[in-house]
Structure formats: C-alpha cells, structure tokens
C-alpha cells in the first residue's frame, strides 16, 4: 500500500496503465493494496499494524505470558 499508484489496476478498476504497474509488489500488490485503499480509505494503512498486534497478542497468550 505504500507504493500504491492511483493509475494501478484494482478490483474496481481493471484499466492497466501503458507504462505498467507501479506497485512494488507487482500486479497482485496493486490489486490487493489498491482495493483495500478504495474500500477502507487511508485507514487501510493501519491494517498491517493491527495484524501484527493481533499476532503478537495471540502468541503471548499461547506461551502463557499474559
């Protein structure tokens, strides 16, 4: 999502720019990142942080630290 370009294709916009996909993760990254940004807006940038926090919390619960 950090390298999202408004011209990259998304689930809702299947137009491909003539200079190619600009997203660092390629077409798959453009489709996922661009679609998340279209659905959730700028708050989509918080999703990776939330997933990491949830994974850390889950791993601590499993190991008995919490």
Protein backbone atom coordinates (compact mmCIF):
# COMPACT_ATOMS: atom_id res chain seq x y z
CA UNK A 1 0.00 0.00 0.00
CA UNK A 2 2.98 2.28 0.47
CA UNK A 3 3.75 2.21 -3.23
CA UNK A 4 0.15 2.46 -4.41
CA UNK A 5 -0.37 4.49 -7.56
CA UNK A 6 -3.82 5.79 -8.49
CA UNK A 7 -3.29 4.51 -12.05
CA UNK A 8 -2.61 0.92 -10.96
CA UNK A 9 -5.42 -1.59 -11.51
CA UNK A 10 -7.67 -2.60 -8.60
CA UNK A 11 -10.63 -4.92 -8.25
CA UNK A 12 -12.88 -1.97 -9.12
CA UNK A 13 -10.64 -0.51 -11.85
CA UNK A 14 -9.35 -3.03 -14.37
CA UNK A 15 -7.64 -0.46 -16.61
CA UNK A 16 -3.92 -1.13 -16.97
CA UNK A 17 -1.59 1.84 -17.50
CA UNK A 18 0.57 1.81 -20.62
CA UNK A 19 3.76 2.18 -18.54
CA UNK A 20 2.94 -0.90 -16.46
CA UNK A 21 2.03 -1.43 -12.83
CA UNK A 22 3.96 0.89 -10.49
CA UNK A 23 3.30 -1.01 -7.24
CA UNK A 24 6.45 -2.56 -5.71
CA UNK A 25 4.62 -5.87 -5.20
CA UNK A 26 3.53 -6.02 -8.83
CA UNK A 27 0.05 -6.76 -10.09
CA UNK A 28 -1.02 -8.76 -7.02
CA UNK A 29 0.14 -5.99 -4.69
CA UNK A 30 -1.66 -3.39 -6.79
CA UNK A 31 -4.89 -5.38 -6.75
CA UNK A 32 -4.84 -6.05 -3.00
CA UNK A 33 -3.41 -2.72 -1.80
CA UNK A 34 -5.39 -0.54 -4.16
CA UNK A 35 -8.63 -2.35 -3.41
CA UNK A 36 -8.09 -2.03 0.35
CA UNK A 37 -7.42 1.67 -0.07
CA UNK A 38 -10.59 2.08 -2.14
CA UNK A 39 -12.71 0.18 0.40
CA UNK A 40 -11.27 1.46 3.69
CA UNK A 41 -9.63 4.70 2.60
CA UNK A 42 -6.46 5.91 4.35
CA UNK A 43 -7.35 3.87 7.43
CA UNK A 44 -6.33 0.80 5.39
CA UNK A 45 -2.73 1.76 6.17
CA UNK A 46 -3.41 0.69 9.78
CA UNK A 47 -4.38 -2.87 8.79
CA UNK A 48 -0.81 -4.30 8.72
CA UNK A 49 -0.17 -2.79 12.17
CA UNK A 50 -3.40 -4.32 13.52
CA UNK A 51 -2.49 -7.75 12.13
CA UNK A 52 0.96 -7.63 13.75
CA UNK A 53 -0.53 -6.55 17.10
CA UNK A 54 -3.10 -9.36 16.96
CA UNK A 55 -0.43 -11.94 16.09
CA UNK A 56 1.82 -10.80 18.93
CA UNK A 57 -1.07 -10.87 21.39
CA UNK A 58 -2.07 -14.36 20.23
CA UNK A 59 1.49 -15.68 20.53
CA UNK A 60 1.80 -14.29 24.05
CA UNK A 61 -1.47 -15.93 25.08
CA UNK A 62 -0.31 -19.27 23.72
CA UNK A 63 3.04 -19.06 25.53
CA UNK A 64 1.31 -18.04 28.78
CA UNK A 65 2.90 -14.60 29.15
CA UNK A 66 -0.44 -12.83 29.50
